N, C-alpha and C. Protein backbone atom coordinates (compact mmCIF):
# COMPACT_ATOMS: atom_id res chain seq x y z
N MET A 1 140.73 7.82 89.29
CA MET A 1 140.14 8.60 90.35
C MET A 1 139.91 7.72 91.58
N THR A 2 139.49 8.34 92.63
CA THR A 2 139.45 7.68 93.92
C THR A 2 138.17 6.90 94.19
N GLY A 3 137.09 7.25 93.55
CA GLY A 3 135.81 6.63 93.89
C GLY A 3 135.04 7.47 94.89
N MET A 4 135.57 8.62 95.31
CA MET A 4 134.84 9.54 96.18
C MET A 4 134.07 10.49 95.28
N TYR A 5 132.79 10.65 95.57
CA TYR A 5 131.95 11.47 94.70
C TYR A 5 131.40 12.68 95.44
N PHE A 6 131.15 13.72 94.65
CA PHE A 6 130.59 14.96 95.18
C PHE A 6 129.46 15.42 94.27
N ALA A 7 128.43 15.99 94.88
CA ALA A 7 127.38 16.68 94.13
C ALA A 7 127.79 18.15 94.09
N VAL A 8 127.95 18.66 92.88
CA VAL A 8 128.38 20.05 92.71
C VAL A 8 127.26 20.80 92.00
N LEU A 9 126.83 21.89 92.62
CA LEU A 9 125.81 22.74 92.02
C LEU A 9 126.47 24.06 91.66
N ARG A 10 126.39 24.40 90.38
CA ARG A 10 126.86 25.70 89.91
C ARG A 10 125.65 26.53 89.50
N THR A 11 125.79 27.83 89.62
CA THR A 11 124.70 28.73 89.27
C THR A 11 125.24 29.88 88.43
N THR A 12 124.34 30.53 87.74
CA THR A 12 124.76 31.65 86.91
C THR A 12 125.30 32.79 87.78
N GLY A 13 126.28 33.50 87.24
CA GLY A 13 126.88 34.62 87.94
C GLY A 13 126.30 35.95 87.49
N PRO A 14 126.84 37.05 88.02
CA PRO A 14 126.29 38.37 87.72
C PRO A 14 126.40 38.79 86.26
N ALA A 15 127.33 38.22 85.51
CA ALA A 15 127.49 38.61 84.10
C ALA A 15 126.62 37.79 83.15
N TRP A 16 125.90 36.79 83.67
CA TRP A 16 125.04 35.94 82.83
C TRP A 16 123.94 36.79 82.22
N ASP A 17 123.71 36.62 80.94
CA ASP A 17 122.64 37.35 80.25
C ASP A 17 121.42 36.44 80.17
N PRO A 18 120.39 36.69 80.99
CA PRO A 18 119.22 35.81 80.99
C PRO A 18 118.43 35.84 79.69
N ALA A 19 118.69 36.82 78.84
CA ALA A 19 117.99 36.90 77.55
C ALA A 19 118.58 35.93 76.53
N LEU A 20 119.74 35.37 76.83
CA LEU A 20 120.41 34.46 75.90
C LEU A 20 120.36 33.03 76.42
N PRO A 21 120.28 32.04 75.52
CA PRO A 21 120.39 30.64 75.95
C PRO A 21 121.84 30.36 76.36
N ILE A 22 122.05 29.22 76.99
CA ILE A 22 123.40 28.86 77.44
C ILE A 22 124.39 28.91 76.28
N GLU A 23 123.97 28.42 75.12
CA GLU A 23 124.85 28.39 73.96
C GLU A 23 125.13 29.77 73.39
N GLY A 24 124.38 30.77 73.81
CA GLY A 24 124.55 32.14 73.33
C GLY A 24 125.38 33.01 74.25
N GLN A 25 125.78 32.48 75.41
CA GLN A 25 126.60 33.26 76.34
C GLN A 25 127.99 33.45 75.74
N PRO A 26 128.70 34.51 76.12
CA PRO A 26 130.04 34.75 75.58
C PRO A 26 130.98 33.57 75.82
N GLU A 27 131.83 33.30 74.85
CA GLU A 27 132.85 32.26 74.94
C GLU A 27 132.27 30.86 75.17
N TRP A 28 131.06 30.61 74.66
CA TRP A 28 130.45 29.29 74.78
C TRP A 28 131.37 28.17 74.27
N PRO A 29 131.98 28.29 73.09
CA PRO A 29 132.82 27.17 72.61
C PRO A 29 133.97 26.84 73.57
N ALA A 30 134.60 27.85 74.15
CA ALA A 30 135.71 27.61 75.09
C ALA A 30 135.20 26.94 76.36
N HIS A 31 134.07 27.40 76.87
CA HIS A 31 133.48 26.79 78.07
C HIS A 31 133.10 25.33 77.79
N ALA A 32 132.43 25.09 76.67
CA ALA A 32 132.00 23.73 76.33
C ALA A 32 133.20 22.80 76.17
N ALA A 33 134.26 23.26 75.54
CA ALA A 33 135.46 22.44 75.37
C ALA A 33 136.09 22.11 76.73
N PHE A 34 136.13 23.09 77.62
CA PHE A 34 136.68 22.88 78.96
C PHE A 34 135.86 21.83 79.72
N MET A 35 134.53 21.97 79.70
CA MET A 35 133.68 21.03 80.43
C MET A 35 133.74 19.63 79.82
N ASN A 36 133.78 19.55 78.50
CA ASN A 36 133.89 18.25 77.83
C ASN A 36 135.20 17.56 78.21
N ALA A 37 136.28 18.31 78.34
CA ALA A 37 137.57 17.73 78.73
C ALA A 37 137.50 17.18 80.15
N LEU A 38 136.80 17.87 81.06
CA LEU A 38 136.64 17.36 82.43
C LEU A 38 135.85 16.06 82.44
N ALA A 39 134.86 15.97 81.57
CA ALA A 39 134.07 14.74 81.47
C ALA A 39 134.90 13.63 80.84
N ASP A 40 135.67 13.96 79.81
CA ASP A 40 136.49 12.96 79.12
C ASP A 40 137.52 12.33 80.05
N ASP A 41 138.04 13.10 81.00
CA ASP A 41 139.05 12.52 81.89
C ASP A 41 138.44 11.90 83.15
N GLY A 42 137.10 11.86 83.24
CA GLY A 42 136.45 11.17 84.35
C GLY A 42 136.23 12.02 85.59
N PHE A 43 136.64 13.28 85.56
CA PHE A 43 136.42 14.16 86.70
C PHE A 43 134.93 14.45 86.87
N ILE A 44 134.27 14.86 85.78
CA ILE A 44 132.82 14.99 85.79
C ILE A 44 132.25 13.68 85.28
N VAL A 45 131.46 13.02 86.13
CA VAL A 45 130.88 11.72 85.79
C VAL A 45 129.56 11.92 85.05
N LEU A 46 128.73 12.80 85.56
CA LEU A 46 127.44 13.16 84.95
C LEU A 46 127.24 14.64 85.20
N GLY A 47 126.52 15.30 84.31
CA GLY A 47 126.26 16.71 84.57
C GLY A 47 125.38 17.36 83.52
N GLY A 48 124.79 18.48 83.92
CA GLY A 48 123.99 19.25 83.00
C GLY A 48 123.08 20.22 83.72
N PRO A 49 122.35 21.01 82.95
CA PRO A 49 121.46 22.01 83.54
C PRO A 49 120.22 21.36 84.16
N VAL A 50 119.69 22.02 85.18
CA VAL A 50 118.45 21.59 85.81
C VAL A 50 117.42 22.71 85.73
N ALA A 51 116.17 22.33 85.76
CA ALA A 51 115.03 23.25 85.80
C ALA A 51 115.13 24.35 84.75
N ASP A 52 115.30 25.58 85.19
CA ASP A 52 115.25 26.73 84.29
C ASP A 52 116.57 27.02 83.57
N ARG A 53 117.53 26.11 83.67
CA ARG A 53 118.83 26.22 83.01
C ARG A 53 119.66 27.39 83.54
N THR A 54 119.45 27.76 84.80
CA THR A 54 120.32 28.74 85.46
C THR A 54 121.11 28.05 86.57
N ARG A 55 120.87 26.76 86.75
CA ARG A 55 121.61 25.93 87.71
C ARG A 55 122.08 24.69 86.98
N PHE A 56 123.25 24.19 87.42
CA PHE A 56 123.89 23.08 86.73
C PHE A 56 124.40 22.09 87.78
N LEU A 57 123.97 20.85 87.68
CA LEU A 57 124.30 19.83 88.67
C LEU A 57 125.28 18.83 88.08
N PHE A 58 126.31 18.50 88.86
CA PHE A 58 127.34 17.57 88.41
C PHE A 58 127.61 16.52 89.47
N LEU A 59 127.86 15.30 89.04
CA LEU A 59 128.42 14.25 89.87
C LEU A 59 129.91 14.25 89.52
N VAL A 60 130.75 14.56 90.52
CA VAL A 60 132.18 14.73 90.30
C VAL A 60 132.94 13.68 91.09
N SER A 61 133.99 13.14 90.49
CA SER A 61 134.89 12.21 91.16
C SER A 61 136.17 12.97 91.49
N ALA A 62 136.46 13.10 92.80
CA ALA A 62 137.63 13.87 93.23
C ALA A 62 138.08 13.39 94.61
N ASP A 63 139.28 13.81 94.99
CA ASP A 63 139.80 13.46 96.31
C ASP A 63 139.23 14.34 97.41
N GLU A 64 139.00 15.62 97.09
CA GLU A 64 138.53 16.56 98.10
C GLU A 64 137.91 17.78 97.43
N GLU A 65 137.22 18.57 98.24
CA GLU A 65 136.52 19.76 97.74
C GLU A 65 137.48 20.77 97.10
N ASP A 66 138.67 20.94 97.69
CA ASP A 66 139.62 21.91 97.13
C ASP A 66 140.01 21.56 95.70
N GLU A 67 140.13 20.26 95.41
CA GLU A 67 140.45 19.84 94.04
C GLU A 67 139.36 20.28 93.07
N ILE A 68 138.12 20.19 93.50
CA ILE A 68 136.99 20.59 92.65
C ILE A 68 137.05 22.09 92.39
N ARG A 69 137.26 22.86 93.44
CA ARG A 69 137.34 24.32 93.28
C ARG A 69 138.49 24.71 92.35
N GLU A 70 139.64 24.05 92.53
CA GLU A 70 140.80 24.34 91.68
C GLU A 70 140.53 24.04 90.22
N ARG A 71 139.98 22.88 89.95
CA ARG A 71 139.76 22.49 88.55
C ARG A 71 138.69 23.34 87.90
N LEU A 72 137.61 23.62 88.61
CA LEU A 72 136.54 24.45 88.02
C LEU A 72 136.97 25.90 87.84
N ALA A 73 137.97 26.34 88.60
CA ALA A 73 138.49 27.71 88.44
C ALA A 73 139.10 27.90 87.05
N GLY A 74 139.47 26.81 86.38
CA GLY A 74 140.02 26.91 85.04
C GLY A 74 138.99 27.11 83.94
N ASP A 75 137.71 27.05 84.31
CA ASP A 75 136.64 27.28 83.34
C ASP A 75 136.70 28.74 82.88
N PRO A 76 136.74 28.99 81.57
CA PRO A 76 136.79 30.37 81.09
C PRO A 76 135.62 31.23 81.57
N TRP A 77 134.53 30.60 81.95
CA TRP A 77 133.38 31.37 82.42
C TRP A 77 133.53 31.87 83.86
N VAL A 78 134.48 31.33 84.62
CA VAL A 78 134.66 31.76 86.01
C VAL A 78 135.17 33.20 86.09
N PRO A 79 136.30 33.56 85.45
CA PRO A 79 136.74 34.96 85.54
C PRO A 79 135.79 35.93 84.84
N MET A 80 134.98 35.41 83.92
CA MET A 80 134.00 36.26 83.25
C MET A 80 132.75 36.46 84.10
N GLN A 81 132.67 35.81 85.23
CA GLN A 81 131.54 35.87 86.18
C GLN A 81 130.24 35.38 85.57
N LEU A 82 130.36 34.36 84.70
CA LEU A 82 129.17 33.74 84.12
C LEU A 82 128.67 32.58 84.97
N LEU A 83 129.58 31.89 85.65
CA LEU A 83 129.20 30.77 86.52
C LEU A 83 129.91 30.86 87.85
N GLU A 84 129.22 30.40 88.89
CA GLU A 84 129.76 30.34 90.25
C GLU A 84 129.42 28.99 90.85
N ILE A 85 130.20 28.56 91.81
CA ILE A 85 129.87 27.35 92.57
C ILE A 85 128.88 27.74 93.65
N ALA A 86 127.73 27.09 93.66
CA ALA A 86 126.73 27.32 94.70
C ALA A 86 126.96 26.40 95.89
N SER A 87 127.31 25.13 95.61
CA SER A 87 127.56 24.18 96.70
C SER A 87 128.36 22.99 96.20
N ILE A 88 129.09 22.39 97.14
CA ILE A 88 129.81 21.14 96.91
C ILE A 88 129.55 20.27 98.13
N GLU A 89 129.00 19.08 97.89
CA GLU A 89 128.70 18.19 98.99
C GLU A 89 129.14 16.77 98.66
N PRO A 90 129.76 16.07 99.62
CA PRO A 90 130.07 14.66 99.40
C PRO A 90 128.78 13.90 99.10
N TRP A 91 128.85 12.96 98.18
CA TRP A 91 127.66 12.21 97.77
C TRP A 91 127.99 10.72 97.82
N GLU A 92 127.29 10.02 98.67
CA GLU A 92 127.42 8.58 98.75
C GLU A 92 126.39 7.96 97.81
N VAL A 93 126.85 7.46 96.70
CA VAL A 93 125.95 6.89 95.69
C VAL A 93 125.59 5.47 96.13
N LEU A 94 124.31 5.25 96.47
CA LEU A 94 123.86 3.95 96.94
C LEU A 94 122.98 3.22 95.92
N LEU A 95 122.34 3.96 95.05
CA LEU A 95 121.43 3.36 94.07
C LEU A 95 121.94 3.61 92.66
N GLY A 96 121.71 2.63 91.82
CA GLY A 96 122.15 2.77 90.43
C GLY A 96 123.63 2.47 90.32
N GLN A 97 124.14 2.69 89.13
CA GLN A 97 125.55 2.42 88.87
C GLN A 97 126.20 3.64 88.28
N VAL A 98 127.30 4.02 88.86
CA VAL A 98 128.09 5.11 88.30
C VAL A 98 128.84 4.54 87.11
N PRO A 99 128.83 5.23 85.98
CA PRO A 99 129.55 4.73 84.80
C PRO A 99 131.02 4.47 85.12
N ASP A 100 131.59 3.50 84.43
CA ASP A 100 133.01 3.19 84.62
C ASP A 100 133.86 4.41 84.30
N GLN A 101 134.90 4.58 85.06
CA GLN A 101 135.82 5.71 84.87
C GLN A 101 136.82 5.39 83.79
């Protein structure tokens, strides 16, 4: 990867069932496998749910915002309207150490 980082915030979509935990949403195993693969290849550096578990924050290594949108579009939860991208912002990491890619 390039060493350019982005803060990506995803949020629940209109099909999200708030009565169910994240692991209880439809097609959880497929979504989890997809996200784990993105982490395994170094695209997602760090990530997980924040606060009430309806928002998900990721540190992503990519060349540009379009690459992030393209890759996340492959998440099975996107066409199911379970997750949406709320924001993508370049992130200059100045403190701490980003794990080796």
